[in-house]
PDB file of N, CA and C in Angstrom:
ATOM      1  N   UNK A   1      -1.615 -13.544  15.905  1.00  0.00           N
ATOM      2  CA  UNK A   1      -1.414 -12.205  15.429  1.00  0.00           C
ATOM      3  C   UNK A   1      -2.742 -11.623  14.924  1.00  0.00           C
ATOM      4  N   UNK A   2      -3.502 -12.433  14.203  1.00  0.00           N
ATOM      5  CA  UNK A   2      -4.780 -11.956  13.680  1.00  0.00           C
ATOM      6  C   UNK A   2      -5.752 -11.626  14.803  1.00  0.00           C
ATOM      7  N   UNK A   3      -5.785 -12.475  15.821  1.00  0.00           N
ATOM      8  CA  UNK A   3      -6.682 -12.224  16.955  1.00  0.00           C
ATOM      9  C   UNK A   3      -6.277 -10.936  17.664  1.00  0.00           C
ATOM     10  N   UNK A   4      -4.978 -10.715  17.830  1.00  0.00           N
ATOM     11  CA  UNK A   4      -4.496  -9.484  18.462  1.00  0.00           C
ATOM     12  C   UNK A   4      -4.874  -8.249  17.666  1.00  0.00           C
ATOM     13  N   UNK A   5      -4.755  -8.334  16.343  1.00  0.00           N
ATOM     14  CA  UNK A   5      -5.136  -7.209  15.500  1.00  0.00           C
ATOM     15  C   UNK A   5      -6.639  -6.931  15.586  1.00  0.00           C
ATOM     16  N   UNK A   6      -7.433  -7.977  15.561  1.00  0.00           N
ATOM     17  CA  UNK A   6      -8.888  -7.798  15.651  1.00  0.00           C
ATOM     18  C   UNK A   6      -9.275  -7.205  16.990  1.00  0.00           C
ATOM     19  N   UNK A   7      -8.708  -7.736  18.081  1.00  0.00           N
ATOM     20  CA  UNK A   7      -9.023  -7.203  19.409  1.00  0.00           C
ATOM     21  C   UNK A   7      -8.566  -5.758  19.560  1.00  0.00           C
ATOM     22  N   UNK A   8      -7.390  -5.435  19.036  1.00  0.00           N
ATOM     23  CA  UNK A   8      -6.898  -4.065  19.093  1.00  0.00           C
ATOM     24  C   UNK A   8      -7.762  -3.117  18.292  1.00  0.00           C
ATOM     25  N   UNK A   9      -8.213  -3.560  17.139  1.00  0.00           N
ATOM     26  CA  UNK A   9      -9.077  -2.744  16.292  1.00  0.00           C
ATOM     27  C   UNK A   9     -10.413  -2.490  16.994  1.00  0.00           C
ATOM     28  N   UNK A  10     -10.986  -3.545  17.558  1.00  0.00           N
ATOM     29  CA  UNK A  10     -12.257  -3.390  18.284  1.00  0.00           C
ATOM     30  C   UNK A  10     -12.084  -2.501  19.517  1.00  0.00           C
ATOM     31  N   UNK A  11     -10.984  -2.688  20.255  1.00  0.00           N
ATOM     32  CA  UNK A  11     -10.720  -1.850  21.430  1.00  0.00           C
ATOM     33  C   UNK A  11     -10.559  -0.386  21.056  1.00  0.00           C
ATOM     34  N   UNK A  12      -9.858  -0.111  19.962  1.00  0.00           N
ATOM     35  CA  UNK A  12      -9.697   1.262  19.502  1.00  0.00           C
ATOM     36  C   UNK A  12     -11.013   1.873  19.073  1.00  0.00           C
ATOM     37  N   UNK A  13     -11.866   1.078  18.425  1.00  0.00           N
ATOM     38  CA  UNK A  13     -13.182   1.566  18.022  1.00  0.00           C
ATOM     39  C   UNK A  13     -14.054   1.906  19.219  1.00  0.00           C
ATOM     40  N   UNK A  14     -14.027   1.049  20.212  1.00  0.00           N
ATOM     41  CA  UNK A  14     -14.809   1.309  21.434  1.00  0.00           C
ATOM     42  C   UNK A  14     -14.276   2.542  22.140  1.00  0.00           C
ATOM     43  N   UNK A  15     -12.955   2.675  22.235  1.00  0.00           N
ATOM     44  CA  UNK A  15     -12.352   3.841  22.872  1.00  0.00           C
ATOM     45  C   UNK A  15     -12.743   5.124  22.146  1.00  0.00           C
ATOM     46  N   UNK A  16     -12.763   5.069  20.809  1.00  0.00           N
ATOM     47  CA  UNK A  16     -13.152   6.241  20.016  1.00  0.00           C
ATOM     48  C   UNK A  16     -14.603   6.617  20.275  1.00  0.00           C
ATOM     49  N   UNK A  17     -15.471   5.631  20.379  1.00  0.00           N
ATOM     50  CA  UNK A  17     -16.880   5.909  20.636  1.00  0.00           C
ATOM     51  C   UNK A  17     -17.113   6.484  22.031  1.00  0.00           C
ATOM     52  N   UNK A  18     -16.354   5.998  23.007  1.00  0.00           N
ATOM     53  CA  UNK A  18     -16.528   6.447  24.395  1.00  0.00           C
ATOM     54  C   UNK A  18     -15.959   7.843  24.594  1.00  0.00           C
ATOM     55  N   UNK A  19     -14.783   8.101  24.046  1.00  0.00           N
ATOM     56  CA  UNK A  19     -14.115   9.392  24.230  1.00  0.00           C
ATOM     57  C   UNK A  19     -14.092  10.173  22.929  1.00  0.00           C
ATOM     58  N   UNK A  20     -15.072  10.981  22.716  1.00  0.00           N
ATOM     59  CA  UNK A  20     -15.091  11.857  21.539  1.00  0.00           C
ATOM     60  C   UNK A  20     -14.334  13.127  21.857  1.00  0.00           C
ATOM     61  N   UNK A  21     -13.350  13.447  21.028  1.00  0.00           N
ATOM     62  CA  UNK A  21     -12.564  14.653  21.236  1.00  0.00           C
ATOM     63  C   UNK A  21     -12.896  15.647  20.138  1.00  0.00           C
ATOM     64  N   UNK A  22     -13.136  16.858  20.538  1.00  0.00           N
ATOM     65  CA  UNK A  22     -13.419  17.907  19.551  1.00  0.00           C
ATOM     66  C   UNK A  22     -12.089  18.524  19.104  1.00  0.00           C
ATOM     67  N   UNK A  23     -11.855  18.491  17.812  1.00  0.00           N
ATOM     68  CA  UNK A  23     -10.632  19.048  17.258  1.00  0.00           C
ATOM     69  C   UNK A  23     -10.896  20.468  16.763  1.00  0.00           C
ATOM     70  N   UNK A  24      -9.906  21.321  16.931  1.00  0.00           N
ATOM     71  CA  UNK A  24     -10.054  22.685  16.440  1.00  0.00           C
ATOM     72  C   UNK A  24      -9.939  22.694  14.917  1.00  0.00           C
ATOM     73  N   UNK A  25     -10.415  23.759  14.324  1.00  0.00           N
ATOM     74  CA  UNK A  25     -10.372  23.891  12.861  1.00  0.00           C
ATOM     75  C   UNK A  25      -8.922  23.860  12.368  1.00  0.00           C
ATOM     76  N   UNK A  26      -8.019  24.465  13.129  1.00  0.00           N
ATOM     77  CA  UNK A  26      -6.603  24.496  12.756  1.00  0.00           C
ATOM     78  C   UNK A  26      -6.004  23.086  12.771  1.00  0.00           C
ATOM     79  N   UNK A  27      -6.358  22.275  13.776  1.00  0.00           N
ATOM     80  CA  UNK A  27      -5.847  20.905  13.846  1.00  0.00           C
ATOM     81  C   UNK A  27      -6.359  20.064  12.677  1.00  0.00           C
ATOM     82  N   UNK A  28      -7.613  20.257  12.329  1.00  0.00           N
ATOM     83  CA  UNK A  28      -8.200  19.521  11.216  1.00  0.00           C
ATOM     84  C   UNK A  28      -7.510  19.894   9.908  1.00  0.00           C
ATOM     85  N   UNK A  29      -7.269  21.195   9.688  1.00  0.00           N
ATOM     86  CA  UNK A  29      -6.605  21.638   8.464  1.00  0.00           C
ATOM     87  C   UNK A  29      -5.161  21.149   8.402  1.00  0.00           C
ATOM     88  N   UNK A  30      -4.478  21.154   9.534  1.00  0.00           N
ATOM     89  CA  UNK A  30      -3.096  20.678   9.576  1.00  0.00           C
ATOM     90  C   UNK A  30      -3.036  19.186   9.240  1.00  0.00           C
ATOM     91  N   UNK A  31      -3.953  18.424   9.799  1.00  0.00           N
ATOM     92  CA  UNK A  31      -4.004  16.991   9.520  1.00  0.00           C
ATOM     93  C   UNK A  31      -4.355  16.740   8.065  1.00  0.00           C
ATOM     94  N   UNK A  32      -5.269  17.518   7.499  1.00  0.00           N
ATOM     95  CA  UNK A  32      -5.668  17.377   6.099  1.00  0.00           C
ATOM     96  C   UNK A  32      -4.479  17.668   5.180  1.00  0.00           C
ATOM     97  N   UNK A  33      -3.714  18.744   5.479  1.00  0.00           N
ATOM     98  CA  UNK A  33      -2.529  19.069   4.666  1.00  0.00           C
ATOM     99  C   UNK A  33      -1.500  17.948   4.730  1.00  0.00           C
ATOM    100  N   UNK A  34      -1.289  17.405   5.922  1.00  0.00           N
ATOM    101  CA  UNK A  34      -0.333  16.313   6.086  1.00  0.00           C
ATOM    102  C   UNK A  34      -0.780  15.078   5.310  1.00  0.00           C
ATOM    103  N   UNK A  35      -2.053  14.766   5.366  1.00  0.00           N
ATOM    104  CA  UNK A  35      -2.586  13.618   4.642  1.00  0.00           C
ATOM    105  C   UNK A  35      -2.473  13.822   3.139  1.00  0.00           C
ATOM    106  N   UNK A  36      -2.754  15.021   2.660  1.00  0.00           N
ATOM    107  CA  UNK A  36      -2.624  15.311   1.226  1.00  0.00           C
ATOM    108  C   UNK A  36      -1.172  15.202   0.769  1.00  0.00           C
ATOM    109  N   UNK A  37      -0.245  15.695   1.583  1.00  0.00           N
ATOM    110  CA  UNK A  37       1.177  15.598   1.249  1.00  0.00           C
ATOM    111  C   UNK A  37       1.603  14.128   1.204  1.00  0.00           C
ATOM    112  N   UNK A  38       1.203  13.357   2.213  1.00  0.00           N
ATOM    113  CA  UNK A  38       1.539  11.930   2.241  1.00  0.00           C
ATOM    114  C   UNK A  38       0.940  11.176   1.064  1.00  0.00           C
ATOM    115  N   UNK A  39      -0.292  11.535   0.688  1.00  0.00           N
ATOM    116  CA  UNK A  39      -0.933  10.877  -0.453  1.00  0.00           C
ATOM    117  C   UNK A  39      -0.192  11.183  -1.750  1.00  0.00           C
ATOM    118  N   UNK A  40       0.265  12.416  -1.913  1.00  0.00           N
ATOM    119  CA  UNK A  40       1.016  12.777  -3.122  1.00  0.00           C
ATOM    120  C   UNK A  40       2.333  12.011  -3.194  1.00  0.00           C
ATOM    121  N   UNK A  41       3.037  11.929  -2.085  1.00  0.00           N
ATOM    122  CA  UNK A  41       4.300  11.182  -2.050  1.00  0.00           C
ATOM    123  C   UNK A  41       4.038   9.707  -2.347  1.00  0.00           C
ATOM    124  N   UNK A  42       3.000   9.165  -1.729  1.00  0.00           N
ATOM    125  CA  UNK A  42       2.663   7.754  -1.932  1.00  0.00           C
ATOM    126  C   UNK A  42       2.240   7.485  -3.372  1.00  0.00           C
ATOM    127  N   UNK A  43       1.538   8.434  -3.987  1.00  0.00           N
ATOM    128  CA  UNK A  43       1.102   8.262  -5.380  1.00  0.00           C
ATOM    129  C   UNK A  43       2.307   8.147  -6.310  1.00  0.00           C
ATOM    130  N   UNK A  44       3.253   9.057  -6.208  1.00  0.00           N
ATOM    131  CA  UNK A  44       4.408   9.011  -7.101  1.00  0.00           C
ATOM    132  C   UNK A  44       5.315   7.822  -6.786  1.00  0.00           C
ATOM    133  N   UNK A  45       5.421   7.457  -5.528  1.00  0.00           N
ATOM    134  CA  UNK A  45       6.199   6.274  -5.160  1.00  0.00           C
ATOM    135  C   UNK A  45       5.561   5.020  -5.733  1.00  0.00           C
ATOM    136  N   UNK A  46       4.234   4.935  -5.628  1.00  0.00           N
ATOM    137  CA  UNK A  46       3.517   3.773  -6.161  1.00  0.00           C
ATOM    138  C   UNK A  46       3.695   3.669  -7.665  1.00  0.00           C
ATOM    139  N   UNK A  47       3.533   4.779  -8.383  1.00  0.00           N
ATOM    140  CA  UNK A  47       3.699   4.738  -9.835  1.00  0.00           C
ATOM    141  C   UNK A  47       5.131   4.355 -10.220  1.00  0.00           C
ATOM    142  N   UNK A  48       6.111   4.867  -9.507  1.00  0.00           N
ATOM    143  CA  UNK A  48       7.503   4.522  -9.808  1.00  0.00           C
ATOM    144  C   UNK A  48       7.760   3.034  -9.568  1.00  0.00           C
ATOM    145  N   UNK A  49       7.229   2.502  -8.457  1.00  0.00           N
ATOM    146  CA  UNK A  49       7.418   1.082  -8.165  1.00  0.00           C
ATOM    147  C   UNK A  49       6.662   0.192  -9.150  1.00  0.00           C
ATOM    148  N   UNK A  50       5.472   0.630  -9.589  1.00  0.00           N
ATOM    149  CA  UNK A  50       4.743  -0.139 -10.598  1.00  0.00           C
ATOM    150  C   UNK A  50       5.512  -0.186 -11.912  1.00  0.00           C
ATOM    151  N   UNK A  51       6.092   0.928 -12.294  1.00  0.00           N
ATOM    152  CA  UNK A  51       6.892   0.962 -13.516  1.00  0.00           C
ATOM    153  C   UNK A  51       8.128   0.074 -13.383  1.00  0.00           C
ATOM    154  N   UNK A  52       8.790   0.156 -12.249  1.00  0.00           N
ATOM    155  CA  UNK A  52       9.958  -0.687 -12.002  1.00  0.00           C
ATOM    156  C   UNK A  52       9.569  -2.164 -11.990  1.00  0.00           C
ATOM    157  N   UNK A  53       8.427  -2.476 -11.378  1.00  0.00           N
ATOM    158  CA  UNK A  53       7.935  -3.853 -11.366  1.00  0.00           C
ATOM    159  C   UNK A  53       7.628  -4.360 -12.759  1.00  0.00           C
ATOM    160  N   UNK A  54       7.072  -3.496 -13.607  1.00  0.00           N
ATOM    161  CA  UNK A  54       6.807  -3.884 -14.993  1.00  0.00           C
ATOM    162  C   UNK A  54       8.105  -4.235 -15.711  1.00  0.00           C
ATOM    163  N   UNK A  55       9.119  -3.410 -15.521  1.00  0.00           N
ATOM    164  CA  UNK A  55      10.407  -3.666 -16.173  1.00  0.00           C
ATOM    165  C   UNK A  55      10.974  -5.008 -15.721  1.00  0.00           C
ATOM    166  N   UNK A  56      10.948  -5.270 -14.413  1.00  0.00           N
ATOM    167  CA  UNK A  56      11.508  -6.517 -13.906  1.00  0.00           C
ATOM    168  C   UNK A  56      10.678  -7.731 -14.317  1.00  0.00           C
ATOM    169  N   UNK A  57       9.355  -7.594 -14.359  1.00  0.00           N
ATOM    170  CA  UNK A  57       8.518  -8.718 -14.794  1.00  0.00           C
ATOM    171  C   UNK A  57       8.761  -9.045 -16.269  1.00  0.00           C
ATOM    172  N   UNK A  58       8.960  -8.020 -17.092  1.00  0.00           N
ATOM    173  CA  UNK A  58       9.298  -8.261 -18.501  1.00  0.00           C
ATOM    174  C   UNK A  58      10.663  -8.947 -18.596  1.00  0.00           C
ATOM    175  N   UNK A  59      11.610  -8.501 -17.765  1.00  0.00           N
ATOM    176  CA  UNK A  59      12.931  -9.143 -17.752  1.00  0.00           C
ATOM    177  C   UNK A  59      12.808 -10.624 -17.408  1.00  0.00           C
ATOM    178  N   UNK A  60      12.031 -10.948 -16.368  1.00  0.00           N
ATOM    179  CA  UNK A  60      11.886 -12.348 -15.974  1.00  0.00           C
ATOM    180  C   UNK A  60      11.090 -13.146 -17.006  1.00  0.00           C
ATOM    181  N   UNK A  61      10.176 -12.504 -17.715  1.00  0.00           N
ATOM    182  CA  UNK A  61       9.473 -13.171 -18.812  1.00  0.00           C
ATOM    183  C   UNK A  61      10.454 -13.552 -19.911  1.00  0.00           C
ATOM    184  N   UNK A  62      11.303 -12.617 -20.275  1.00  0.00           N
ATOM    185  CA  UNK A  62      12.312 -12.890 -21.309  1.00  0.00           C
ATOM    186  C   UNK A  62      13.294 -13.955 -20.823  1.00  0.00           C
ATOM    187  N   UNK A  63      13.671 -13.894 -19.542  1.00  0.00           N
ATOM    188  CA  UNK A  63      14.571 -14.905 -18.978  1.00  0.00           C
ATOM    189  C   UNK A  63      13.940 -16.287 -19.058  1.00  0.00           C
ATOM    190  N   UNK A  64      12.655 -16.386 -18.733  1.00  0.00           N
ATOM    191  CA  UNK A  64      11.977 -17.677 -18.797  1.00  0.00           C
ATOM    192  C   UNK A  64      11.856 -18.208 -20.208  1.00  0.00           C
ATOM    193  N   UNK A  65      11.735 -17.310 -21.171  1.00  0.00           N
ATOM    194  CA  UNK A  65      11.628 -17.739 -22.580  1.00  0.00           C
ATOM    195  C   UNK A  65      12.990 -18.168 -23.125  1.00  0.00           C
ATOM    196  N   UNK A  66      14.018 -17.378 -22.817  1.00  0.00           N
ATOM    197  CA  UNK A  66      15.340 -17.651 -23.395  1.00  0.00           C
ATOM    198  C   UNK A  66      16.102 -18.747 -22.657  1.00  0.00           C
ATOM    199  N   UNK A  67      15.834 -18.931 -21.385  1.00  0.00           N
ATOM    200  CA  UNK A  67      16.518 -19.970 -20.606  1.00  0.00           C
ATOM    201  C   UNK A  67      15.462 -20.810 -19.883  1.00  0.00           C
ATOM    202  N   UNK A  68      14.927 -21.830 -20.554  1.00  0.00           N
ATOM    203  CA  UNK A  68      13.842 -22.621 -19.962  1.00  0.00           C
ATOM    204  C   UNK A  68      14.194 -23.262 -18.614  1.00  0.00           C
ATOM    205  N   UNK A  69      15.473 -23.529 -18.375  1.00  0.00           N
ATOM    206  CA  UNK A  69      15.862 -24.104 -17.082  1.00  0.00           C
ATOM    207  C   UNK A  69      15.698 -23.092 -15.944  1.00  0.00           C
ATOM    208  N   UNK A  70      15.593 -21.813 -16.279  1.00  0.00           N
ATOM    209  CA  UNK A  70      15.395 -20.756 -15.285  1.00  0.00           C
ATOM    210  C   UNK A  70      13.925 -20.335 -15.172  1.00  0.00           C
ATOM    211  N   UNK A  71      13.026 -21.051 -15.839  1.00  0.00           N
ATOM    212  CA  UNK A  71      11.615 -20.654 -15.886  1.00  0.00           C
ATOM    213  C   UNK A  71      10.972 -20.657 -14.498  1.00  0.00           C
ATOM    214  N   UNK A  72      11.266 -21.650 -13.673  1.00  0.00           N
ATOM    215  CA  UNK A  72      10.687 -21.690 -12.320  1.00  0.00           C
ATOM    216  C   UNK A  72      11.171 -20.511 -11.482  1.00  0.00           C
ATOM    217  N   UNK A  73      12.452 -20.214 -11.573  1.00  0.00           N
ATOM    218  CA  UNK A  73      13.005 -19.071 -10.852  1.00  0.00           C
ATOM    219  C   UNK A  73      12.358 -17.769 -11.318  1.00  0.00           C
ATOM    220  N   UNK A  74      12.254 -17.601 -12.635  1.00  0.00           N
ATOM    221  CA  UNK A  74      11.672 -16.380 -13.191  1.00  0.00           C
ATOM    222  C   UNK A  74      10.210 -16.248 -12.774  1.00  0.00           C
ATOM    223  N   UNK A  75       9.477 -17.353 -12.783  1.00  0.00           N
ATOM    224  CA  UNK A  75       8.075 -17.329 -12.379  1.00  0.00           C
ATOM    225  C   UNK A  75       7.936 -16.956 -10.904  1.00  0.00           C
ATOM    226  N   UNK A  76       8.762 -17.529 -10.057  1.00  0.00           N
ATOM    227  CA  UNK A  76       8.705 -17.229  -8.626  1.00  0.00           C
ATOM    228  C   UNK A  76       9.038 -15.763  -8.346  1.00  0.00           C
ATOM    229  N   UNK A  77      10.047 -15.253  -9.014  1.00  0.00           N
ATOM    230  CA  UNK A  77      10.426 -13.857  -8.810  1.00  0.00           C
ATOM    231  C   UNK A  77       9.325 -12.914  -9.289  1.00  0.00           C
ATOM    232  N   UNK A  78       8.715 -13.230 -10.414  1.00  0.00           N
ATOM    233  CA  UNK A  78       7.620 -12.396 -10.922  1.00  0.00           C
ATOM    234  C   UNK A  78       6.435 -12.412  -9.964  1.00  0.00           C
ATOM    235  N   UNK A  79       6.114 -13.575  -9.407  1.00  0.00           N
ATOM    236  CA  UNK A  79       5.027 -13.670  -8.434  1.00  0.00           C
ATOM    237  C   UNK A  79       5.333 -12.838  -7.192  1.00  0.00           C
ATOM    238  N   UNK A  80       6.578 -12.876  -6.746  1.00  0.00           N
ATOM    239  CA  UNK A  80       6.972 -12.078  -5.583  1.00  0.00           C
ATOM    240  C   UNK A  80       6.835 -10.583  -5.867  1.00  0.00           C
ATOM    241  N   UNK A  81       7.279 -10.153  -7.024  1.00  0.00           N
ATOM    242  CA  UNK A  81       7.171  -8.739  -7.409  1.00  0.00           C
ATOM    243  C   UNK A  81       5.713  -8.314  -7.455  1.00  0.00           C
ATOM    244  N   UNK A  82       4.870  -9.120  -8.059  1.00  0.00           N
ATOM    245  CA  UNK A  82       3.449  -8.792  -8.168  1.00  0.00           C
ATOM    246  C   UNK A  82       2.798  -8.749  -6.789  1.00  0.00           C
ATOM    247  N   UNK A  83       3.172  -9.651  -5.898  1.00  0.00           N
ATOM    248  CA  UNK A  83       2.606  -9.649  -4.545  1.00  0.00           C
ATOM    249  C   UNK A  83       2.967  -8.366  -3.794  1.00  0.00           C
ATOM    250  N   UNK A  84       4.216  -7.957  -3.870  1.00  0.00           N
ATOM    251  CA  UNK A  84       4.648  -6.731  -3.194  1.00  0.00           C
ATOM    252  C   UNK A  84       3.956  -5.513  -3.789  1.00  0.00           C
ATOM    253  N   UNK A  85       3.861  -5.455  -5.109  1.00  0.00           N
ATOM    254  CA  UNK A  85       3.206  -4.319  -5.759  1.00  0.00           C
ATOM    255  C   UNK A  85       1.714  -4.278  -5.456  1.00  0.00           C
ATOM    256  N   UNK A  86       1.097  -5.431  -5.259  1.00  0.00           N
ATOM    257  CA  UNK A  86      -0.317  -5.474  -4.890  1.00  0.00           C
ATOM    258  C   UNK A  86      -0.532  -4.849  -3.520  1.00  0.00           C
ATOM    259  N   UNK A  87       0.325  -5.173  -2.570  1.00  0.00           N
ATOM    260  CA  UNK A  87       0.213  -4.591  -1.226  1.00  0.00           C
ATOM    261  C   UNK A  87       0.396  -3.076  -1.284  1.00  0.00           C
ATOM    262  N   UNK A  88       1.370  -2.620  -2.040  1.00  0.00           N
ATOM    263  CA  UNK A  88       1.615  -1.184  -2.167  1.00  0.00           C
ATOM    264  C   UNK A  88       0.429  -0.489  -2.826  1.00  0.00           C
ATOM    265  N   UNK A  89      -0.141  -1.107  -3.845  1.00  0.00           N
ATOM    266  CA  UNK A  89      -1.298  -0.521  -4.528  1.00  0.00           C
ATOM    267  C   UNK A  89      -2.519  -0.463  -3.611  1.00  0.00           C
ATOM    268  N   UNK A  90      -2.713  -1.478  -2.788  1.00  0.00           N
ATOM    269  CA  UNK A  90      -3.827  -1.475  -1.838  1.00  0.00           C
ATOM    270  C   UNK A  90      -3.632  -0.364  -0.813  1.00  0.00           C
ATOM    271  N   UNK A  91      -2.410  -0.183  -0.347  1.00  0.00           N
ATOM    272  CA  UNK A  91      -2.121   0.901   0.594  1.00  0.00           C
ATOM    273  C   UNK A  91      -2.429   2.252  -0.035  1.00  0.00           C
ATOM    274  N   UNK A  92      -2.021   2.454  -1.271  1.00  0.00           N
ATOM    275  CA  UNK A  92      -2.309   3.701  -1.982  1.00  0.00           C
ATOM    276  C   UNK A  92      -3.813   3.913  -2.127  1.00  0.00           C
ATOM    277  N   UNK A  93      -4.540   2.868  -2.499  1.00  0.00           N
ATOM    278  CA  UNK A  93      -5.993   2.984  -2.656  1.00  0.00           C
ATOM    279  C   UNK A  93      -6.662   3.334  -1.326  1.00  0.00           C
ATOM    280  N   UNK A  94      -6.183   2.757  -0.238  1.00  0.00           N
ATOM    281  CA  UNK A  94      -6.751   3.059   1.083  1.00  0.00           C
ATOM    282  C   UNK A  94      -6.513   4.520   1.448  1.00  0.00           C
ATOM    283  N   UNK A  95      -5.313   5.015   1.227  1.00  0.00           N
ATOM    284  CA  UNK A  95      -4.998   6.408   1.549  1.00  0.00           C
ATOM    285  C   UNK A  95      -5.865   7.347   0.707  1.00  0.00           C
ATOM    286  N   UNK A  96      -6.033   7.033  -0.560  1.00  0.00           N
ATOM    287  CA  UNK A  96      -6.881   7.877  -1.422  1.00  0.00           C
ATOM    288  C   UNK A  96      -8.331   7.837  -0.965  1.00  0.00           C
ATOM    289  N   UNK A  97      -8.801   6.679  -0.519  1.00  0.00           N
ATOM    290  CA  UNK A  97     -10.166   6.559  -0.029  1.00  0.00           C
ATOM    291  C   UNK A  97     -10.374   7.418   1.223  1.00  0.00           C
ATOM    292  N   UNK A  98      -9.425   7.338   2.140  1.00  0.00           N
ATOM    293  CA  UNK A  98      -9.526   8.131   3.382  1.00  0.00           C
ATOM    294  C   UNK A  98      -9.412   9.612   3.076  1.00  0.00           C
ATOM    295  N   UNK A  99      -8.548   9.968   2.152  1.00  0.00           N
ATOM    296  CA  UNK A  99      -8.318  11.381   1.829  1.00  0.00           C
ATOM    297  C   UNK A  99      -9.548  12.027   1.215  1.00  0.00           C
ATOM    298  N   UNK A 100     -10.276  11.334   0.387  1.00  0.00           N
ATOM    299  CA  UNK A 100     -11.425  11.898  -0.303  1.00  0.00           C
ATOM    300  C   UNK A 100     -12.700  11.873   0.527  1.00  0.00           C
ATOM    301  N   UNK A 101     -12.679  11.223   1.642  1.00  0.00           N
ATOM    302  CA  UNK A 101     -13.879  11.088   2.466  1.00  0.00           C
ATOM    303  C   UNK A 101     -14.300  12.386   3.087  1.00  0.00           C
TER     304      UNK A 101
END
């Protein structure tokens, strides 16, 4: 899968370099508006999910403290939540980086 992604990325880059397309001002503005709208939606979604993740991680922290036999379960669930939120946060950061460029 990784090799396919790398080859596809390189192929797309070469294709972009070979075929330069001139976009009209209207197309550029339309794409910019769409990207700004998507970034705003992604920003509020990310903040809502981060807040929800905080609530659930606190819940699992309390569960691990009050029920020590459930500590492994609580730890695993918290790690899963943090992993998912990390991916979402990276996606948000990438969109913001592209948008401000």
